[in-house]
Amino acid sequence: MRGFRLGIEHIMKGIRGKDDLTAAMVSASGGGLAYTFVSKGLKVKPAHALSWAVCYAVASGTMKQSEQEVNIPPAPGARLLILDHIKRFVYKLLY
């Protein structure tokens, strides 16, 4: 589901040119719909699917707003941490 959300968020960022609360909520609602269809199949009731989409959107919007209010710096990616450990290991071997 995260891949679906990130895809929608990337498209929203490309269309609107900014990463904001609206993009986060739209991508989360798409993720909620995707979750509903994956878990229940295509026989899900529309009201149930929309309620999941709204729940995901509200949760994502709340988290995005709290990150902006608290100014949490973005965590370094796992790839950067792995590369840093590899550099240290190689440095210890060579020197």
PDB file of N, CA and C in Angstrom:
ATOM      1  N   MET A   1       0.818  -1.180   0.000  1.00  0.00           N
ATOM      2  CA  MET A   1       0.000   0.000   0.000  1.00  0.00           C
ATOM      3  C   MET A   1       0.873   1.260   0.000  1.00  0.00           C
ATOM      4  N   ARG A   2       2.026   1.155   0.632  1.00  0.00           N
ATOM      5  CA  ARG A   2       2.904   2.323   0.700  1.00  0.00           C
ATOM      6  C   ARG A   2       3.374   2.737  -0.692  1.00  0.00           C
ATOM      7  N   GLY A   3       3.631   1.762  -1.537  1.00  0.00           N
ATOM      8  CA  GLY A   3       4.047   2.076  -2.898  1.00  0.00           C
ATOM      9  C   GLY A   3       2.956   2.804  -3.658  1.00  0.00           C
ATOM     10  N   PHE A   4       1.730   2.388  -3.441  1.00  0.00           N
ATOM     11  CA  PHE A   4       0.602   3.052  -4.086  1.00  0.00           C
ATOM     12  C   PHE A   4       0.489   4.495  -3.604  1.00  0.00           C
ATOM     13  N   ARG A   5       0.622   4.676  -2.286  1.00  0.00           N
ATOM     14  CA  ARG A   5       0.570   6.029  -1.709  1.00  0.00           C
ATOM     15  C   ARG A   5       1.690   6.906  -2.239  1.00  0.00           C
ATOM     16  N   LEU A   6       2.903   6.354  -2.288  1.00  0.00           N
ATOM     17  CA  LEU A   6       4.037   7.142  -2.768  1.00  0.00           C
ATOM     18  C   LEU A   6       3.882   7.502  -4.235  1.00  0.00           C
ATOM     19  N   GLY A   7       3.301   6.597  -5.014  1.00  0.00           N
ATOM     20  CA  GLY A   7       3.052   6.891  -6.421  1.00  0.00           C
ATOM     21  C   GLY A   7       2.085   8.046  -6.592  1.00  0.00           C
ATOM     22  N   ILE A   8       0.990   8.024  -5.845  1.00  0.00           N
ATOM     23  CA  ILE A   8       0.024   9.118  -5.922  1.00  0.00           C
ATOM     24  C   ILE A   8       0.652  10.415  -5.423  1.00  0.00           C
ATOM     25  N   GLU A   9       1.421  10.328  -4.347  1.00  0.00           N
ATOM     26  CA  GLU A   9       2.061  11.528  -3.807  1.00  0.00           C
ATOM     27  C   GLU A   9       3.046  12.121  -4.804  1.00  0.00           C
ATOM     28  N   HIS A  10       3.769  11.274  -5.514  1.00  0.00           N
ATOM     29  CA  HIS A  10       4.715  11.751  -6.525  1.00  0.00           C
ATOM     30  C   HIS A  10       3.977  12.434  -7.682  1.00  0.00           C
ATOM     31  N   ILE A  11       2.876  11.861  -8.104  1.00  0.00           N
ATOM     32  CA  ILE A  11       2.076  12.476  -9.168  1.00  0.00           C
ATOM     33  C   ILE A  11       1.513  13.815  -8.711  1.00  0.00           C
ATOM     34  N   MET A  12       1.016  13.862  -7.476  1.00  0.00           N
ATOM     35  CA  MET A  12       0.475  15.127  -6.948  1.00  0.00           C
ATOM     36  C   MET A  12       1.561  16.194  -6.863  1.00  0.00           C
ATOM     37  N   LYS A  13       2.751  15.789  -6.450  1.00  0.00           N
ATOM     38  CA  LYS A  13       3.854  16.742  -6.357  1.00  0.00           C
ATOM     39  C   LYS A  13       4.232  17.245  -7.746  1.00  0.00           C
ATOM     40  N   GLY A  14       4.191  16.360  -8.733  1.00  0.00           N
ATOM     41  CA  GLY A  14       4.497  16.769 -10.102  1.00  0.00           C
ATOM     42  C   GLY A  14       3.445  17.708 -10.675  1.00  0.00           C
ATOM     43  N   ILE A  15       2.186  17.466 -10.371  1.00  0.00           N
ATOM     44  CA  ILE A  15       1.103  18.308 -10.891  1.00  0.00           C
ATOM     45  C   ILE A  15       1.073  19.653 -10.180  1.00  0.00           C
ATOM     46  N   ARG A  16       1.102  19.626  -8.866  1.00  0.00           N
ATOM     47  CA  ARG A  16       0.947  20.867  -8.091  1.00  0.00           C
ATOM     48  C   ARG A  16       2.269  21.572  -7.826  1.00  0.00           C
ATOM     49  N   GLY A  17       3.384  20.850  -7.886  1.00  0.00           N
ATOM     50  CA  GLY A  17       4.681  21.465  -7.683  1.00  0.00           C
ATOM     51  C   GLY A  17       5.074  21.664  -6.236  1.00  0.00           C
ATOM     52  N   LYS A  18       4.311  21.108  -5.309  1.00  0.00           N
ATOM     53  CA  LYS A  18       4.676  21.249  -3.897  1.00  0.00           C
ATOM     54  C   LYS A  18       4.205  20.026  -3.116  1.00  0.00           C
ATOM     55  N   ASP A  19       4.863  19.800  -2.013  1.00  0.00           N
ATOM     56  CA  ASP A  19       4.530  18.687  -1.137  1.00  0.00           C
ATOM     57  C   ASP A  19       3.859  19.272   0.097  1.00  0.00           C
ATOM     58  N   ASP A  20       2.551  19.152   0.182  1.00  0.00           N
ATOM     59  CA  ASP A  20       1.824  19.790   1.275  1.00  0.00           C
ATOM     60  C   ASP A  20       0.773  18.844   1.844  1.00  0.00           C
ATOM     61  N   LEU A  21      -0.077  19.405   2.688  1.00  0.00           N
ATOM     62  CA  LEU A  21      -1.094  18.632   3.378  1.00  0.00           C
ATOM     63  C   LEU A  21      -2.081  18.007   2.401  1.00  0.00           C
ATOM     64  N   THR A  22      -2.459  18.741   1.373  1.00  0.00           N
ATOM     65  CA  THR A  22      -3.421  18.227   0.400  1.00  0.00           C
ATOM     66  C   THR A  22      -2.883  17.009  -0.327  1.00  0.00           C
ATOM     67  N   ALA A  23      -1.633  17.064  -0.748  1.00  0.00           N
ATOM     68  CA  ALA A  23      -1.030  15.928  -1.440  1.00  0.00           C
ATOM     69  C   ALA A  23      -0.953  14.712  -0.522  1.00  0.00           C
ATOM     70  N   ALA A  24      -0.630  14.935   0.733  1.00  0.00           N
ATOM     71  CA  ALA A  24      -0.550  13.827   1.688  1.00  0.00           C
ATOM     72  C   ALA A  24      -1.916  13.185   1.904  1.00  0.00           C
ATOM     73  N   MET A  25      -2.949  14.009   1.993  1.00  0.00           N
ATOM     74  CA  MET A  25      -4.285  13.473   2.241  1.00  0.00           C
ATOM     75  C   MET A  25      -4.849  12.765   1.009  1.00  0.00           C
ATOM     76  N   VAL A  26      -4.583  13.287  -0.179  1.00  0.00           N
ATOM     77  CA  VAL A  26      -5.060  12.633  -1.400  1.00  0.00           C
ATOM     78  C   VAL A  26      -4.364  11.286  -1.579  1.00  0.00           C
ATOM     79  N   SER A  27      -3.056  11.255  -1.358  1.00  0.00           N
ATOM     80  CA  SER A  27      -2.339   9.988  -1.511  1.00  0.00           C
ATOM     81  C   SER A  27      -2.781   8.976  -0.456  1.00  0.00           C
ATOM     82  N   ALA A  28      -3.056   9.435   0.752  1.00  0.00           N
ATOM     83  CA  ALA A  28      -3.511   8.516   1.796  1.00  0.00           C
ATOM     84  C   ALA A  28      -4.899   7.976   1.492  1.00  0.00           C
ATOM     85  N   SER A  29      -5.771   8.802   0.938  1.00  0.00           N
ATOM     86  CA  SER A  29      -7.100   8.294   0.584  1.00  0.00           C
ATOM     87  C   SER A  29      -6.993   7.244  -0.515  1.00  0.00           C
ATOM     88  N   GLY A  30      -6.101   7.444  -1.458  1.00  0.00           N
ATOM     89  CA  GLY A  30      -5.865   6.422  -2.483  1.00  0.00           C
ATOM     90  C   GLY A  30      -5.317   5.150  -1.881  1.00  0.00           C
ATOM     91  N   GLY A  31      -4.438   5.287  -0.904  1.00  0.00           N
ATOM     92  CA  GLY A  31      -3.913   4.118  -0.203  1.00  0.00           C
ATOM     93  C   GLY A  31      -4.998   3.383   0.567  1.00  0.00           C
ATOM     94  N   GLY A  32      -5.909   4.134   1.156  1.00  0.00           N
ATOM     95  CA  GLY A  32      -7.038   3.515   1.865  1.00  0.00           C
ATOM     96  C   GLY A  32      -7.942   2.744   0.931  1.00  0.00           C
ATOM     97  N   LEU A  33      -8.195   3.304  -0.245  1.00  0.00           N
ATOM     98  CA  LEU A  33      -8.998   2.588  -1.237  1.00  0.00           C
ATOM     99  C   LEU A  33      -8.282   1.330  -1.705  1.00  0.00           C
ATOM    100  N   ALA A  34      -6.985   1.443  -1.946  1.00  0.00           N
ATOM    101  CA  ALA A  34      -6.214   0.284  -2.386  1.00  0.00           C
ATOM    102  C   ALA A  34      -6.228  -0.805  -1.309  1.00  0.00           C
ATOM    103  N   TYR A  35      -6.071  -0.405  -0.054  1.00  0.00           N
ATOM    104  CA  TYR A  35      -6.107  -1.377   1.045  1.00  0.00           C
ATOM    105  C   TYR A  35      -7.449  -2.102   1.083  1.00  0.00           C
ATOM    106  N   THR A  36      -8.533  -1.350   0.923  1.00  0.00           N
ATOM    107  CA  THR A  36      -9.859  -1.952   0.961  1.00  0.00           C
ATOM    108  C   THR A  36     -10.044  -2.953  -0.165  1.00  0.00           C
ATOM    109  N   PHE A  37      -9.625  -2.585  -1.370  1.00  0.00           N
ATOM    110  CA  PHE A  37      -9.815  -3.486  -2.499  1.00  0.00           C
ATOM    111  C   PHE A  37      -8.914  -4.714  -2.407  1.00  0.00           C
ATOM    112  N   VAL A  38      -7.732  -4.558  -1.840  1.00  0.00           N
ATOM    113  CA  VAL A  38      -6.837  -5.710  -1.691  1.00  0.00           C
ATOM    114  C   VAL A  38      -7.358  -6.649  -0.612  1.00  0.00           C
ATOM    115  N   SER A  39      -7.844  -6.098   0.491  1.00  0.00           N
ATOM    116  CA  SER A  39      -8.276  -6.952   1.594  1.00  0.00           C
ATOM    117  C   SER A  39      -9.654  -7.579   1.358  1.00  0.00           C
ATOM    118  N   LYS A  40     -10.565  -6.850   0.729  1.00  0.00           N
ATOM    119  CA  LYS A  40     -11.931  -7.357   0.557  1.00  0.00           C
ATOM    120  C   LYS A  40     -12.259  -7.773  -0.872  1.00  0.00           C
ATOM    121  N   GLY A  41     -11.422  -7.402  -1.824  1.00  0.00           N
ATOM    122  CA  GLY A  41     -11.724  -7.708  -3.216  1.00  0.00           C
ATOM    123  C   GLY A  41     -12.659  -6.669  -3.810  1.00  0.00           C
ATOM    124  N   LEU A  42     -13.136  -6.939  -4.996  1.00  0.00           N
ATOM    125  CA  LEU A  42     -14.009  -5.978  -5.674  1.00  0.00           C
ATOM    126  C   LEU A  42     -15.456  -6.057  -5.210  1.00  0.00           C
ATOM    127  N   LYS A  43     -15.764  -6.952  -4.287  1.00  0.00           N
ATOM    128  CA  LYS A  43     -17.137  -7.070  -3.800  1.00  0.00           C
ATOM    129  C   LYS A  43     -17.398  -6.201  -2.570  1.00  0.00           C
ATOM    130  N   VAL A  44     -16.524  -5.245  -2.303  1.00  0.00           N
ATOM    131  CA  VAL A  44     -16.672  -4.369  -1.142  1.00  0.00           C
ATOM    132  C   VAL A  44     -17.744  -3.316  -1.425  1.00  0.00           C
ATOM    133  N   LYS A  45     -18.455  -2.922  -0.379  1.00  0.00           N
ATOM    134  CA  LYS A  45     -19.483  -1.880  -0.518  1.00  0.00           C
ATOM    135  C   LYS A  45     -18.797  -0.524  -0.653  1.00  0.00           C
ATOM    136  N   PRO A  46     -19.330   0.357  -1.491  1.00  0.00           N
ATOM    137  CA  PRO A  46     -18.698   1.671  -1.692  1.00  0.00           C
ATOM    138  C   PRO A  46     -18.566   2.489  -0.407  1.00  0.00           C
ATOM    139  N   ALA A  47     -19.566   2.409   0.470  1.00  0.00           N
ATOM    140  CA  ALA A  47     -19.492   3.170   1.721  1.00  0.00           C
ATOM    141  C   ALA A  47     -18.339   2.682   2.588  1.00  0.00           C
ATOM    142  N   HIS A  48     -18.102   1.389   2.587  1.00  0.00           N
ATOM    143  CA  HIS A  48     -17.001   0.827   3.374  1.00  0.00           C
ATOM    144  C   HIS A  48     -15.653   1.278   2.802  1.00  0.00           C
ATOM    145  N   ALA A  49     -15.531   1.245   1.495  1.00  0.00           N
ATOM    146  CA  ALA A  49     -14.281   1.667   0.853  1.00  0.00           C
ATOM    147  C   ALA A  49     -14.022   3.150   1.107  1.00  0.00           C
ATOM    148  N   LEU A  50     -15.055   3.966   0.999  1.00  0.00           N
ATOM    149  CA  LEU A  50     -14.872   5.407   1.235  1.00  0.00           C
ATOM    150  C   LEU A  50     -14.552   5.706   2.696  1.00  0.00           C
ATOM    151  N   SER A  51     -15.124   4.920   3.616  1.00  0.00           N
ATOM    152  CA  SER A  51     -14.821   5.168   5.028  1.00  0.00           C
ATOM    153  C   SER A  51     -13.344   4.872   5.316  1.00  0.00           C
ATOM    154  N   TRP A  52     -12.789   3.823   4.705  1.00  0.00           N
ATOM    155  CA  TRP A  52     -11.362   3.548   4.872  1.00  0.00           C
ATOM    156  C   TRP A  52     -10.516   4.651   4.249  1.00  0.00           C
ATOM    157  N   ALA A  53     -10.947   5.146   3.099  1.00  0.00           N
ATOM    158  CA  ALA A  53     -10.204   6.219   2.436  1.00  0.00           C
ATOM    159  C   ALA A  53     -10.184   7.465   3.323  1.00  0.00           C
ATOM    160  N   VAL A  54     -11.316   7.788   3.924  1.00  0.00           N
ATOM    161  CA  VAL A  54     -11.389   8.966   4.800  1.00  0.00           C
ATOM    162  C   VAL A  54     -10.531   8.759   6.051  1.00  0.00           C
ATOM    163  N   CYS A  55     -10.573   7.555   6.632  1.00  0.00           N
ATOM    164  CA  CYS A  55      -9.758   7.282   7.823  1.00  0.00           C
ATOM    165  C   CYS A  55      -8.271   7.440   7.520  1.00  0.00           C
ATOM    166  N   TYR A  56      -7.829   6.890   6.401  1.00  0.00           N
ATOM    167  CA  TYR A  56      -6.426   7.018   6.018  1.00  0.00           C
ATOM    168  C   TYR A  56      -6.066   8.480   5.773  1.00  0.00           C
ATOM    169  N   ALA A  57      -6.959   9.222   5.113  1.00  0.00           N
ATOM    170  CA  ALA A  57      -6.678  10.626   4.811  1.00  0.00           C
ATOM    171  C   ALA A  57      -6.574  11.450   6.089  1.00  0.00           C
ATOM    172  N   VAL A  58      -7.474  11.227   7.027  1.00  0.00           N
ATOM    173  CA  VAL A  58      -7.441  11.973   8.291  1.00  0.00           C
ATOM    174  C   VAL A  58      -6.182  11.639   9.083  1.00  0.00           C
ATOM    175  N   ALA A  59      -5.831  10.364   9.145  1.00  0.00           N
ATOM    176  CA  ALA A  59      -4.626   9.978   9.878  1.00  0.00           C
ATOM    177  C   ALA A  59      -3.374  10.571   9.226  1.00  0.00           C
ATOM    178  N   SER A  60      -3.306  10.518   7.909  1.00  0.00           N
ATOM    179  CA  SER A  60      -2.140  11.069   7.217  1.00  0.00           C
ATOM    180  C   SER A  60      -2.072  12.583   7.369  1.00  0.00           C
ATOM    181  N   GLY A  61      -3.221  13.239   7.257  1.00  0.00           N
ATOM    182  CA  GLY A  61      -3.250  14.693   7.426  1.00  0.00           C
ATOM    183  C   GLY A  61      -2.834  15.117   8.818  1.00  0.00           C
ATOM    184  N   THR A  62      -3.270  14.361   9.818  1.00  0.00           N
ATOM    185  CA  THR A  62      -2.895  14.669  11.199  1.00  0.00           C
ATOM    186  C   THR A  62      -1.393  14.507  11.401  1.00  0.00           C
ATOM    187  N   MET A  63      -0.837  13.426  10.850  1.00  0.00           N
ATOM    188  CA  MET A  63       0.607  13.215  10.995  1.00  0.00           C
ATOM    189  C   MET A  63       1.399  14.284  10.254  1.00  0.00           C
ATOM    190  N   LYS A  64       0.959  14.656   9.059  1.00  0.00           N
ATOM    191  CA  LYS A  64       1.666  15.670   8.272  1.00  0.00           C
ATOM    192  C   LYS A  64       1.635  17.016   8.997  1.00  0.00           C
ATOM    193  N   GLN A  65       0.482  17.366   9.541  1.00  0.00           N
ATOM    194  CA  GLN A  65       0.357  18.637  10.247  1.00  0.00           C
ATOM    195  C   GLN A  65       1.201  18.641  11.521  1.00  0.00           C
ATOM    196  N   SER A  66       1.234  17.520  12.243  1.00  0.00           N
ATOM    197  CA  SER A  66       2.032  17.476  13.468  1.00  0.00           C
ATOM    198  C   SER A  66       3.527  17.533  13.143  1.00  0.00           C
ATOM    199  N   GLU A  67       3.947  16.933  12.019  1.00  0.00           N
ATOM    200  CA  GLU A  67       5.349  17.040  11.613  1.00  0.00           C
ATOM    201  C   GLU A  67       5.716  18.488  11.301  1.00  0.00           C
ATOM    202  N   GLN A  68       4.812  19.214  10.666  1.00  0.00           N
ATOM    203  CA  GLN A  68       5.081  20.615  10.339  1.00  0.00           C
ATOM    204  C   GLN A  68       5.115  21.479  11.587  1.00  0.00           C
ATOM    205  N   GLU A  69       4.257  21.177  12.552  1.00  0.00           N
ATOM    206  CA  GLU A  69       4.201  21.979  13.770  1.00  0.00           C
ATOM    207  C   GLU A  69       5.416  21.740  14.660  1.00  0.00           C
ATOM    208  N   VAL A  70       5.871  20.498  14.738  1.00  0.00           N
ATOM    209  CA  VAL A  70       6.972  20.155  15.622  1.00  0.00           C
ATOM    210  C   VAL A  70       8.311  20.350  14.917  1.00  0.00           C
ATOM    211  N   ASN A  71       8.298  20.446  13.596  1.00  0.00           N
ATOM    212  CA  ASN A  71       9.510  20.584  12.782  1.00  0.00           C
ATOM    213  C   ASN A  71      10.459  19.410  12.976  1.00  0.00           C
ATOM    214  N   ILE A  72       9.943  18.225  12.774  1.00  0.00           N
ATOM    215  CA  ILE A  72      10.761  17.015  12.868  1.00  0.00           C
ATOM    216  C   ILE A  72      11.624  16.939  11.615  1.00  0.00           C
ATOM    217  N   PRO A  73      12.941  16.896  11.771  1.00  0.00           N
ATOM    218  CA  PRO A  73      13.781  16.790  10.577  1.00  0.00           C
ATOM    219  C   PRO A  73      13.620  15.412   9.945  1.00  0.00           C
ATOM    220  N   PRO A  74      13.691  15.331   8.639  1.00  0.00           N
ATOM    221  CA  PRO A  74      13.548  14.018   8.005  1.00  0.00           C
ATOM    222  C   PRO A  74      14.704  13.101   8.375  1.00  0.00           C
ATOM    223  N   ALA A  75      14.367  11.872   8.668  1.00  0.00           N
ATOM    224  CA  ALA A  75      15.384  10.893   9.052  1.00  0.00           C
ATOM    225  C   ALA A  75      16.177  10.477   7.823  1.00  0.00           C
ATOM    226  N   PRO A  76      17.462  10.221   7.996  1.00  0.00           N
ATOM    227  CA  PRO A  76      18.235   9.749   6.842  1.00  0.00           C
ATOM    228  C   PRO A  76      17.725   8.388   6.390  1.00  0.00           C
ATOM    229  N   GLY A  77      17.772   8.166   5.107  1.00  0.00           N
ATOM    230  CA  GLY A  77      17.276   6.909   4.568  1.00  0.00           C
ATOM    231  C   GLY A  77      18.128   5.733   4.988  1.00  0.00           C
ATOM    232  N   ALA A  78      17.541   4.576   4.946  1.00  0.00           N
ATOM    233  CA  ALA A  78      18.265   3.364   5.332  1.00  0.00           C
ATOM    234  C   ALA A  78      19.454   3.137   4.408  1.00  0.00           C
ATOM    235  N   ARG A  79      19.290   3.514   3.143  1.00  0.00           N
ATOM    236  CA  ARG A  79      20.379   3.323   2.187  1.00  0.00           C
ATOM    237  C   ARG A  79      21.600   4.148   2.588  1.00  0.00           C
ATOM    238  N   LEU A  80      21.361   5.387   3.040  1.00  0.00           N
ATOM    239  CA  LEU A  80      22.480   6.231   3.459  1.00  0.00           C
ATOM    240  C   LEU A  80      23.170   5.668   4.689  1.00  0.00           C
ATOM    241  N   LEU A  81      22.390   5.118   5.603  1.00  0.00           N
ATOM    242  CA  LEU A  81      22.986   4.528   6.798  1.00  0.00           C
ATOM    243  C   LEU A  81      23.838   3.312   6.441  1.00  0.00           C
ATOM    244  N   ILE A  82      23.340   2.494   5.515  1.00  0.00           N
ATOM    245  CA  ILE A  82      24.111   1.321   5.098  1.00  0.00           C
ATOM    246  C   ILE A  82      25.402   1.750   4.422  1.00  0.00           C
ATOM    247  N   LEU A  83      25.316   2.749   3.535  1.00  0.00           N
ATOM    248  CA  LEU A  83      26.522   3.228   2.857  1.00  0.00           C
ATOM    249  C   LEU A  83      27.531   3.804   3.839  1.00  0.00           C
ATOM    250  N   ASP A  84      27.041   4.480   4.867  1.00  0.00           N
ATOM    251  CA  ASP A  84      27.921   5.033   5.882  1.00  0.00           C
ATOM    252  C   ASP A  84      28.642   3.914   6.637  1.00  0.00           C
ATOM    253  N   HIS A  85      27.927   2.853   6.974  1.00  0.00           N
ATOM    254  CA  HIS A  85      28.554   1.730   7.665  1.00  0.00           C
ATOM    255  C   HIS A  85      29.583   1.043   6.767  1.00  0.00           C
ATOM    256  N   ILE A  86      29.285   0.927   5.489  1.00  0.00           N
ATOM    257  CA  ILE A  86      30.240   0.317   4.563  1.00  0.00           C
ATOM    258  C   ILE A  86      31.509   1.163   4.470  1.00  0.00           C
ATOM    259  N   LYS A  87      31.356   2.480   4.389  1.00  0.00           N
ATOM    260  CA  LYS A  87      32.524   3.368   4.335  1.00  0.00           C
ATOM    261  C   LYS A  87      33.396   3.197   5.577  1.00  0.00           C
ATOM    262  N   ARG A  88      32.769   3.148   6.746  1.00  0.00           N
ATOM    263  CA  ARG A  88      33.520   2.988   7.986  1.00  0.00           C
ATOM    264  C   ARG A  88      34.244   1.654   8.022  1.00  0.00           C
ATOM    265  N   PHE A  89      33.567   0.598   7.568  1.00  0.00           N
ATOM    266  CA  PHE A  89      34.168  -0.721   7.569  1.00  0.00           C
ATOM    267  C   PHE A  89      35.383  -0.769   6.639  1.00  0.00           C
ATOM    268  N   VAL A  90      35.228  -0.209   5.443  1.00  0.00           N
ATOM    269  CA  VAL A  90      36.329  -0.196   4.483  1.00  0.00           C
ATOM    270  C   VAL A  90      37.476   0.653   5.015  1.00  0.00           C
ATOM    271  N   TYR A  91      37.163   1.771   5.646  1.00  0.00           N
ATOM    272  CA  TYR A  91      38.204   2.641   6.205  1.00  0.00           C
ATOM    273  C   TYR A  91      38.995   1.889   7.271  1.00  0.00           C
ATOM    274  N   LYS A  92      38.292   1.127   8.125  1.00  0.00           N
ATOM    275  CA  LYS A  92      38.970   0.366   9.177  1.00  0.00           C
ATOM    276  C   LYS A  92      39.861  -0.722   8.582  1.00  0.00           C
ATOM    277  N   LEU A  93      39.412  -1.325   7.477  1.00  0.00           N
ATOM    278  CA  LEU A  93      40.224  -2.374   6.837  1.00  0.00           C
ATOM    279  C   LEU A  93      41.486  -1.803   6.218  1.00  0.00           C
ATOM    280  N   LEU A  94      41.365  -0.633   5.609  1.00  0.00           N
ATOM    281  CA  LEU A  94      42.489  -0.073   4.873  1.00  0.00           C
ATOM    282  C   LEU A  94      43.465   0.690   5.762  1.00  0.00           C
ATOM    283  N   TYR A  95      42.990   1.276   6.833  1.00  0.00           N
ATOM    284  CA  TYR A  95      43.877   2.131   7.632  1.00  0.00           C
ATOM    285  C   TYR A  95      44.026   1.647   9.025  1.00  0.00           C
TER     286      TYR A  95
END
